[in-house]
Amino acid sequence: MSAIVASEIWSELKRYVNTVDRAEAAETMVAILIDHDSDVEDIRAAFKGDSDIKRALTDYLDNDKNYEDDEEEEFEDENTEDDDWEN
């Protein structure tokens, strides 16, 4: 499904979603689009006027951070501490 079609569907259906539930619905919409290989820039362009989708996309991208680099740094720090203990 293209992001443009999804945007049209979302704009028609979101008025039927309770205001308190829209954030979760937007997160689901973003997840579905990403799972079906929609490009982030295409999603941004298609939903450019929708604050719920923008927020959900930002949250999705923040949660998609690669934490492997952080784990490597922690491992290196642990090795450094072990070296000091041996001296």
PDB file of N, CA and C in Angstrom:
ATOM      1  N   MET A   1       0.856  -1.171   0.000  1.00  0.00           N
ATOM      2  CA  MET A   1       0.000   0.000   0.000  1.00  0.00           C
ATOM      3  C   MET A   1       0.899   1.231   0.000  1.00  0.00           C
ATOM      4  N   SER A   2       0.580   2.148  -0.845  1.00  0.00           N
ATOM      5  CA  SER A   2       1.398   3.354  -0.901  1.00  0.00           C
ATOM      6  C   SER A   2       1.047   4.273   0.267  1.00  0.00           C
ATOM      7  N   ALA A   3       2.001   5.087   0.623  1.00  0.00           N
ATOM      8  CA  ALA A   3       1.798   6.021   1.730  1.00  0.00           C
ATOM      9  C   ALA A   3       0.703   7.030   1.399  1.00  0.00           C
ATOM     10  N   ILE A   4       0.557   7.355   0.136  1.00  0.00           N
ATOM     11  CA  ILE A   4      -0.473   8.328  -0.269  1.00  0.00           C
ATOM     12  C   ILE A   4      -1.873   7.742  -0.061  1.00  0.00           C
ATOM     13  N   VAL A   5      -2.062   6.491  -0.452  1.00  0.00           N
ATOM     14  CA  VAL A   5      -3.353   5.834  -0.245  1.00  0.00           C
ATOM     15  C   VAL A   5      -3.626   5.698   1.249  1.00  0.00           C
ATOM     16  N   ALA A   6      -2.606   5.312   1.999  1.00  0.00           N
ATOM     17  CA  ALA A   6      -2.754   5.185   3.451  1.00  0.00           C
ATOM     18  C   ALA A   6      -3.135   6.524   4.077  1.00  0.00           C
ATOM     19  N   SER A   7      -2.565   7.599   3.569  1.00  0.00           N
ATOM     20  CA  SER A   7      -2.878   8.935   4.074  1.00  0.00           C
ATOM     21  C   SER A   7      -4.346   9.283   3.827  1.00  0.00           C
ATOM     22  N   GLU A   8      -4.840   8.949   2.662  1.00  0.00           N
ATOM     23  CA  GLU A   8      -6.241   9.218   2.354  1.00  0.00           C
ATOM     24  C   GLU A   8      -7.171   8.395   3.238  1.00  0.00           C
ATOM     25  N   ILE A   9      -6.827   7.123   3.432  1.00  0.00           N
ATOM     26  CA  ILE A   9      -7.632   6.262   4.307  1.00  0.00           C
ATOM     27  C   ILE A   9      -7.607   6.802   5.729  1.00  0.00           C
ATOM     28  N   TRP A  10      -6.400   7.153   6.208  1.00  0.00           N
ATOM     29  CA  TRP A  10      -6.243   7.684   7.570  1.00  0.00           C
ATOM     30  C   TRP A  10      -7.067   8.957   7.760  1.00  0.00           C
ATOM     31  N   SER A  11      -7.013   9.860   6.799  1.00  0.00           N
ATOM     32  CA  SER A  11      -7.740  11.122   6.959  1.00  0.00           C
ATOM     33  C   SER A  11      -9.249  10.905   7.010  1.00  0.00           C
ATOM     34  N   GLU A  12      -9.746   9.885   6.322  1.00  0.00           N
ATOM     35  CA  GLU A  12     -11.172   9.582   6.363  1.00  0.00           C
ATOM     36  C   GLU A  12     -11.577   8.852   7.639  1.00  0.00           C
ATOM     37  N   LEU A  13     -10.728   7.964   8.123  1.00  0.00           N
ATOM     38  CA  LEU A  13     -11.109   7.120   9.252  1.00  0.00           C
ATOM     39  C   LEU A  13     -10.754   7.706  10.622  1.00  0.00           C
ATOM     40  N   LYS A  14      -9.800   8.607  10.691  1.00  0.00           N
ATOM     41  CA  LYS A  14      -9.350   9.062  12.008  1.00  0.00           C
ATOM     42  C   LYS A  14     -10.429   9.825  12.772  1.00  0.00           C
ATOM     43  N   ARG A  15     -11.392  10.364  12.084  1.00  0.00           N
ATOM     44  CA  ARG A  15     -12.467  11.062  12.794  1.00  0.00           C
ATOM     45  C   ARG A  15     -13.359  10.091  13.569  1.00  0.00           C
ATOM     46  N   TYR A  16     -13.273   8.808  13.213  1.00  0.00           N
ATOM     47  CA  TYR A  16     -14.036   7.793  13.932  1.00  0.00           C
ATOM     48  C   TYR A  16     -13.262   7.195  15.115  1.00  0.00           C
ATOM     49  N   VAL A  17     -11.992   7.585  15.239  1.00  0.00           N
ATOM     50  CA  VAL A  17     -11.150   7.099  16.327  1.00  0.00           C
ATOM     51  C   VAL A  17     -11.200   8.122  17.452  1.00  0.00           C
ATOM     52  N   ASN A  18     -11.476   7.655  18.672  1.00  0.00           N
ATOM     53  CA  ASN A  18     -11.500   8.565  19.818  1.00  0.00           C
ATOM     54  C   ASN A  18     -10.171   9.317  19.924  1.00  0.00           C
ATOM     55  N   THR A  19     -10.248  10.551  20.335  1.00  0.00           N
ATOM     56  CA  THR A  19      -9.062  11.396  20.433  1.00  0.00           C
ATOM     57  C   THR A  19      -7.978  10.764  21.299  1.00  0.00           C
ATOM     58  N   VAL A  20      -8.365  10.137  22.391  1.00  0.00           N
ATOM     59  CA  VAL A  20      -7.380   9.527  23.288  1.00  0.00           C
ATOM     60  C   VAL A  20      -6.717   8.297  22.665  1.00  0.00           C
ATOM     61  N   ASP A  21      -7.332   7.722  21.652  1.00  0.00           N
ATOM     62  CA  ASP A  21      -6.795   6.526  21.001  1.00  0.00           C
ATOM     63  C   ASP A  21      -6.039   6.828  19.713  1.00  0.00           C
ATOM     64  N   ARG A  22      -6.025   8.066  19.286  1.00  0.00           N
ATOM     65  CA  ARG A  22      -5.413   8.399  17.997  1.00  0.00           C
ATOM     66  C   ARG A  22      -3.906   8.188  17.970  1.00  0.00           C
ATOM     67  N   ALA A  23      -3.238   8.445  19.071  1.00  0.00           N
ATOM     68  CA  ALA A  23      -1.784   8.253  19.098  1.00  0.00           C
ATOM     69  C   ALA A  23      -1.436   6.792  18.841  1.00  0.00           C
ATOM     70  N   GLU A  24      -2.141   5.901  19.510  1.00  0.00           N
ATOM     71  CA  GLU A  24      -1.894   4.473  19.311  1.00  0.00           C
ATOM     72  C   GLU A  24      -2.268   4.034  17.894  1.00  0.00           C
ATOM     73  N   ALA A  25      -3.359   4.563  17.372  1.00  0.00           N
ATOM     74  CA  ALA A  25      -3.771   4.237  16.006  1.00  0.00           C
ATOM     75  C   ALA A  25      -2.728   4.735  14.999  1.00  0.00           C
ATOM     76  N   ALA A  26      -2.192   5.913  15.239  1.00  0.00           N
ATOM     77  CA  ALA A  26      -1.154   6.462  14.356  1.00  0.00           C
ATOM     78  C   ALA A  26       0.111   5.615  14.419  1.00  0.00           C
ATOM     79  N   GLU A  27       0.466   5.149  15.613  1.00  0.00           N
ATOM     80  CA  GLU A  27       1.641   4.283  15.756  1.00  0.00           C
ATOM     81  C   GLU A  27       1.450   2.991  14.961  1.00  0.00           C
ATOM     82  N   THR A  28       0.240   2.460  15.006  1.00  0.00           N
ATOM     83  CA  THR A  28      -0.060   1.242  14.249  1.00  0.00           C
ATOM     84  C   THR A  28       0.034   1.503  12.754  1.00  0.00           C
ATOM     85  N   MET A  29      -0.480   2.635  12.312  1.00  0.00           N
ATOM     86  CA  MET A  29      -0.414   2.994  10.892  1.00  0.00           C
ATOM     87  C   MET A  29       1.042   3.089  10.430  1.00  0.00           C
ATOM     88  N   VAL A  30       1.873   3.753  11.216  1.00  0.00           N
ATOM     89  CA  VAL A  30       3.286   3.903  10.863  1.00  0.00           C
ATOM     90  C   VAL A  30       3.967   2.535  10.827  1.00  0.00           C
ATOM     91  N   ALA A  31       3.708   1.712  11.819  1.00  0.00           N
ATOM     92  CA  ALA A  31       4.327   0.384  11.869  1.00  0.00           C
ATOM     93  C   ALA A  31       3.943  -0.455  10.656  1.00  0.00           C
ATOM     94  N   ILE A  32       2.683  -0.389  10.263  1.00  0.00           N
ATOM     95  CA  ILE A  32       2.225  -1.152   9.097  1.00  0.00           C
ATOM     96  C   ILE A  32       2.928  -0.654   7.835  1.00  0.00           C
ATOM     97  N   LEU A  33       3.005   0.649   7.683  1.00  0.00           N
ATOM     98  CA  LEU A  33       3.666   1.203   6.495  1.00  0.00           C
ATOM     99  C   LEU A  33       5.143   0.815   6.445  1.00  0.00           C
ATOM    100  N   ILE A  34       5.824   0.911   7.578  1.00  0.00           N
ATOM    101  CA  ILE A  34       7.242   0.542   7.623  1.00  0.00           C
ATOM    102  C   ILE A  34       7.401  -0.954   7.346  1.00  0.00           C
ATOM    103  N   ASP A  35       6.536  -1.768   7.922  1.00  0.00           N
ATOM    104  CA  ASP A  35       6.603  -3.218   7.702  1.00  0.00           C
ATOM    105  C   ASP A  35       6.387  -3.592   6.238  1.00  0.00           C
ATOM    106  N   HIS A  36       5.661  -2.746   5.523  1.00  0.00           N
ATOM    107  CA  HIS A  36       5.417  -3.004   4.102  1.00  0.00           C
ATOM    108  C   HIS A  36       6.356  -2.181   3.219  1.00  0.00           C
ATOM    109  N   ASP A  37       7.522  -1.870   3.771  1.00  0.00           N
ATOM    110  CA  ASP A  37       8.629  -1.253   3.039  1.00  0.00           C
ATOM    111  C   ASP A  37       8.344   0.149   2.502  1.00  0.00           C
ATOM    112  N   SER A  38       7.515   0.901   3.175  1.00  0.00           N
ATOM    113  CA  SER A  38       7.333   2.298   2.803  1.00  0.00           C
ATOM    114  C   SER A  38       8.539   3.082   3.312  1.00  0.00           C
ATOM    115  N   ASP A  39       9.001   3.988   2.511  1.00  0.00           N
ATOM    116  CA  ASP A  39      10.141   4.820   2.868  1.00  0.00           C
ATOM    117  C   ASP A  39       9.698   5.903   3.854  1.00  0.00           C
ATOM    118  N   VAL A  40      10.557   6.202   4.806  1.00  0.00           N
ATOM    119  CA  VAL A  40      10.241   7.210   5.823  1.00  0.00           C
ATOM    120  C   VAL A  40       9.924   8.556   5.171  1.00  0.00           C
ATOM    121  N   GLU A  41      10.684   8.929   4.175  1.00  0.00           N
ATOM    122  CA  GLU A  41      10.449  10.208   3.492  1.00  0.00           C
ATOM    123  C   GLU A  41       9.105  10.213   2.759  1.00  0.00           C
ATOM    124  N   ASP A  42       8.710   9.079   2.192  1.00  0.00           N
ATOM    125  CA  ASP A  42       7.397   8.981   1.537  1.00  0.00           C
ATOM    126  C   ASP A  42       6.273   9.143   2.553  1.00  0.00           C
ATOM    127  N   ILE A  43       6.465   8.550   3.732  1.00  0.00           N
ATOM    128  CA  ILE A  43       5.461   8.685   4.784  1.00  0.00           C
ATOM    129  C   ILE A  43       5.362  10.136   5.232  1.00  0.00           C
ATOM    130  N   ARG A  44       6.503  10.772   5.428  1.00  0.00           N
ATOM    131  CA  ARG A  44       6.499  12.192   5.829  1.00  0.00           C
ATOM    132  C   ARG A  44       5.789  13.057   4.806  1.00  0.00           C
ATOM    133  N   ALA A  45       6.064  12.800   3.540  1.00  0.00           N
ATOM    134  CA  ALA A  45       5.451  13.606   2.480  1.00  0.00           C
ATOM    135  C   ALA A  45       3.945  13.377   2.406  1.00  0.00           C
ATOM    136  N   ALA A  46       3.516  12.133   2.521  1.00  0.00           N
ATOM    137  CA  ALA A  46       2.091  11.807   2.399  1.00  0.00           C
ATOM    138  C   ALA A  46       1.277  12.320   3.577  1.00  0.00           C
ATOM    139  N   PHE A  47       1.878  12.335   4.764  1.00  0.00           N
ATOM    140  CA  PHE A  47       1.163  12.735   5.979  1.00  0.00           C
ATOM    141  C   PHE A  47       1.661  14.079   6.501  1.00  0.00           C
ATOM    142  N   LYS A  48       2.136  14.944   5.631  1.00  0.00           N
ATOM    143  CA  LYS A  48       2.799  16.176   6.066  1.00  0.00           C
ATOM    144  C   LYS A  48       1.943  17.083   6.937  1.00  0.00           C
ATOM    145  N   GLY A  49       0.641  17.005   6.860  1.00  0.00           N
ATOM    146  CA  GLY A  49      -0.205  17.876   7.662  1.00  0.00           C
ATOM    147  C   GLY A  49      -0.797  17.210   8.900  1.00  0.00           C
ATOM    148  N   ASP A  50      -0.388  15.980   9.189  1.00  0.00           N
ATOM    149  CA  ASP A  50      -1.003  15.243  10.284  1.00  0.00           C
ATOM    150  C   ASP A  50      -0.040  15.115  11.463  1.00  0.00           C
ATOM    151  N   SER A  51      -0.362  15.793  12.548  1.00  0.00           N
ATOM    152  CA  SER A  51       0.534  15.805  13.711  1.00  0.00           C
ATOM    153  C   SER A  51       0.602  14.445  14.414  1.00  0.00           C
ATOM    154  N   ASP A  52      -0.490  13.676  14.388  1.00  0.00           N
ATOM    155  CA  ASP A  52      -0.484  12.359  15.032  1.00  0.00           C
ATOM    156  C   ASP A  52       0.505  11.409  14.345  1.00  0.00           C
ATOM    157  N   ILE A  53       0.488  11.402  13.036  1.00  0.00           N
ATOM    158  CA  ILE A  53       1.394  10.528  12.287  1.00  0.00           C
ATOM    159  C   ILE A  53       2.834  11.026  12.425  1.00  0.00           C
ATOM    160  N   LYS A  54       3.040  12.332  12.389  1.00  0.00           N
ATOM    161  CA  LYS A  54       4.395  12.869  12.562  1.00  0.00           C
ATOM    162  C   LYS A  54       4.991  12.446  13.903  1.00  0.00           C
ATOM    163  N   ARG A  55       4.202  12.555  14.945  1.00  0.00           N
ATOM    164  CA  ARG A  55       4.656  12.166  16.287  1.00  0.00           C
ATOM    165  C   ARG A  55       4.937  10.664  16.344  1.00  0.00           C
ATOM    166  N   ALA A  56       4.052   9.866  15.750  1.00  0.00           N
ATOM    167  CA  ALA A  56       4.230   8.415  15.745  1.00  0.00           C
ATOM    168  C   ALA A  56       5.471   8.018  14.950  1.00  0.00           C
ATOM    169  N   LEU A  57       5.716   8.698  13.850  1.00  0.00           N
ATOM    170  CA  LEU A  57       6.898   8.413  13.040  1.00  0.00           C
ATOM    171  C   LEU A  57       8.171   8.779  13.794  1.00  0.00           C
ATOM    172  N   THR A  58       8.149   9.901  14.479  1.00  0.00           N
ATOM    173  CA  THR A  58       9.301  10.310  15.292  1.00  0.00           C
ATOM    174  C   THR A  58       9.560   9.296  16.396  1.00  0.00           C
ATOM    175  N   ASP A  59       8.515   8.860  17.072  1.00  0.00           N
ATOM    176  CA  ASP A  59       8.658   7.856  18.129  1.00  0.00           C
ATOM    177  C   ASP A  59       9.200   6.545  17.564  1.00  0.00           C
ATOM    178  N   TYR A  60       8.711   6.154  16.398  1.00  0.00           N
ATOM    179  CA  TYR A  60       9.166   4.916  15.779  1.00  0.00           C
ATOM    180  C   TYR A  60      10.650   5.002  15.447  1.00  0.00           C
ATOM    181  N   LEU A  61      11.064   6.115  14.887  1.00  0.00           N
ATOM    182  CA  LEU A  61      12.467   6.272  14.514  1.00  0.00           C
ATOM    183  C   LEU A  61      13.364   6.334  15.736  1.00  0.00           C
ATOM    184  N   ASP A  62      12.895   6.950  16.819  1.00  0.00           N
ATOM    185  CA  ASP A  62      13.671   6.995  18.060  1.00  0.00           C
ATOM    186  C   ASP A  62      13.814   5.602  18.662  1.00  0.00           C
ATOM    187  N   ASN A  63      12.787   4.785  18.570  1.00  0.00           N
ATOM    188  CA  ASN A  63      12.825   3.425  19.116  1.00  0.00           C
ATOM    189  C   ASN A  63      13.625   2.480  18.245  1.00  0.00           C
ATOM    190  N   ASP A  64      13.873   2.880  17.009  1.00  0.00           N
ATOM    191  CA  ASP A  64      14.580   2.031  16.062  1.00  0.00           C
ATOM    192  C   ASP A  64      16.097   2.248  16.145  1.00  0.00           C
ATOM    193  N   LYS A  65      16.562   2.976  17.166  1.00  0.00           N
ATOM    194  CA  LYS A  65      17.983   3.279  17.318  1.00  0.00           C
ATOM    195  C   LYS A  65      18.782   1.985  17.480  1.00  0.00           C
ATOM    196  N   ASN A  66      19.972   1.986  16.932  1.00  0.00           N
ATOM    197  CA  ASN A  66      20.846   0.830  17.033  1.00  0.00           C
ATOM    198  C   ASN A  66      21.639   0.933  18.328  1.00  0.00           C
ATOM    199  N   TYR A  67      21.396   0.022  19.251  1.00  0.00           N
ATOM    200  CA  TYR A  67      22.048   0.065  20.551  1.00  0.00           C
ATOM    201  C   TYR A  67      23.319  -0.789  20.605  1.00  0.00           C
ATOM    202  N   GLU A  68      23.709  -1.402  19.507  1.00  0.00           N
ATOM    203  CA  GLU A  68      24.897  -2.246  19.507  1.00  0.00           C
ATOM    204  C   GLU A  68      26.148  -1.446  19.844  1.00  0.00           C
ATOM    205  N   ASP A  69      26.251  -0.224  19.369  1.00  0.00           N
ATOM    206  CA  ASP A  69      27.414   0.612  19.650  1.00  0.00           C
ATOM    207  C   ASP A  69      27.533   0.885  21.142  1.00  0.00           C
ATOM    208  N   ASP A  70      26.405   1.124  21.813  1.00  0.00           N
ATOM    209  CA  ASP A  70      26.414   1.374  23.250  1.00  0.00           C
ATOM    210  C   ASP A  70      26.914   0.151  24.008  1.00  0.00           C
ATOM    211  N   GLU A  71      26.482  -1.031  23.570  1.00  0.00           N
ATOM    212  CA  GLU A  71      26.902  -2.261  24.230  1.00  0.00           C
ATOM    213  C   GLU A  71      28.400  -2.484  24.067  1.00  0.00           C
ATOM    214  N   GLU A  72      28.950  -2.164  22.890  1.00  0.00           N
ATOM    215  CA  GLU A  72      30.382  -2.317  22.666  1.00  0.00           C
ATOM    216  C   GLU A  72      31.172  -1.392  23.583  1.00  0.00           C
ATOM    217  N   GLU A  73      30.698  -0.164  23.771  1.00  0.00           N
ATOM    218  CA  GLU A  73      31.376   0.781  24.657  1.00  0.00           C
ATOM    219  C   GLU A  73      31.374   0.273  26.088  1.00  0.00           C
ATOM    220  N   GLU A  74      30.257  -0.294  26.541  1.00  0.00           N
ATOM    221  CA  GLU A  74      30.187  -0.842  27.893  1.00  0.00           C
ATOM    222  C   GLU A  74      31.162  -1.997  28.052  1.00  0.00           C
ATOM    223  N   PHE A  75      31.281  -2.832  27.038  1.00  0.00           N
ATOM    224  CA  PHE A  75      32.184  -3.966  27.088  1.00  0.00           C
ATOM    225  C   PHE A  75      33.630  -3.479  27.179  1.00  0.00           C
ATOM    226  N   GLU A  76      33.979  -2.451  26.395  1.00  0.00           N
ATOM    227  CA  GLU A  76      35.328  -1.894  26.440  1.00  0.00           C
ATOM    228  C   GLU A  76      35.618  -1.300  27.810  1.00  0.00           C
ATOM    229  N   ASP A  77      34.646  -0.630  28.420  1.00  0.00           N
ATOM    230  CA  ASP A  77      34.822  -0.062  29.746  1.00  0.00           C
ATOM    231  C   ASP A  77      35.066  -1.151  30.779  1.00  0.00           C
ATOM    232  N   GLU A  78      34.356  -2.258  30.668  1.00  0.00           N
ATOM    233  CA  GLU A  78      34.534  -3.365  31.601  1.00  0.00           C
ATOM    234  C   GLU A  78      35.935  -3.949  31.477  1.00  0.00           C
ATOM    235  N   ASN A  79      36.434  -4.058  30.250  1.00  0.00           N
ATOM    236  CA  ASN A  79      37.778  -4.592  30.037  1.00  0.00           C
ATOM    237  C   ASN A  79      38.835  -3.662  30.627  1.00  0.00           C
ATOM    238  N   THR A  80      38.637  -2.380  30.528  1.00  0.00           N
ATOM    239  CA  THR A  80      39.571  -1.405  31.064  1.00  0.00           C
ATOM    240  C   THR A  80      39.634  -1.518  32.579  1.00  0.00           C
ATOM    241  N   GLU A  81      38.494  -1.689  33.214  1.00  0.00           N
ATOM    242  CA  GLU A  81      38.457  -1.814  34.670  1.00  0.00           C
ATOM    243  C   GLU A  81      39.190  -3.080  35.119  1.00  0.00           C
ATOM    244  N   ASP A  82      39.056  -4.168  34.349  1.00  0.00           N
ATOM    245  CA  ASP A  82      39.735  -5.409  34.690  1.00  0.00           C
ATOM    246  C   ASP A  82      41.248  -5.247  34.628  1.00  0.00           C
ATOM    247  N   ASP A  83      41.724  -4.489  33.637  1.00  0.00           N
ATOM    248  CA  ASP A  83      43.156  -4.246  33.513  1.00  0.00           C
ATOM    249  C   ASP A  83      43.685  -3.504  34.731  1.00  0.00           C
ATOM    250  N   ASP A  84      42.955  -2.541  35.245  1.00  0.00           N
ATOM    251  CA  ASP A  84      43.387  -1.797  36.416  1.00  0.00           C
ATOM    252  C   ASP A  84      43.436  -2.692  37.637  1.00  0.00           C
ATOM    253  N   TRP A  85      42.566  -3.639  37.741  1.00  0.00           N
ATOM    254  CA  TRP A  85      42.497  -4.536  38.897  1.00  0.00           C
ATOM    255  C   TRP A  85      43.741  -5.420  38.959  1.00  0.00           C
ATOM    256  N   GLU A  86      44.200  -5.853  37.774  1.00  0.00           N
ATOM    257  CA  GLU A  86      45.356  -6.745  37.738  1.00  0.00           C
ATOM    258  C   GLU A  86      46.642  -6.034  38.144  1.00  0.00           C
ATOM    259  N   ASN A  87      46.755  -4.751  37.939  1.00  0.00           N
ATOM    260  CA  ASN A  87      47.992  -4.015  38.249  1.00  0.00           C
ATOM    261  C   ASN A  87      48.148  -3.813  39.673  1.00  0.00           C
TER     262      ASN A  87
END
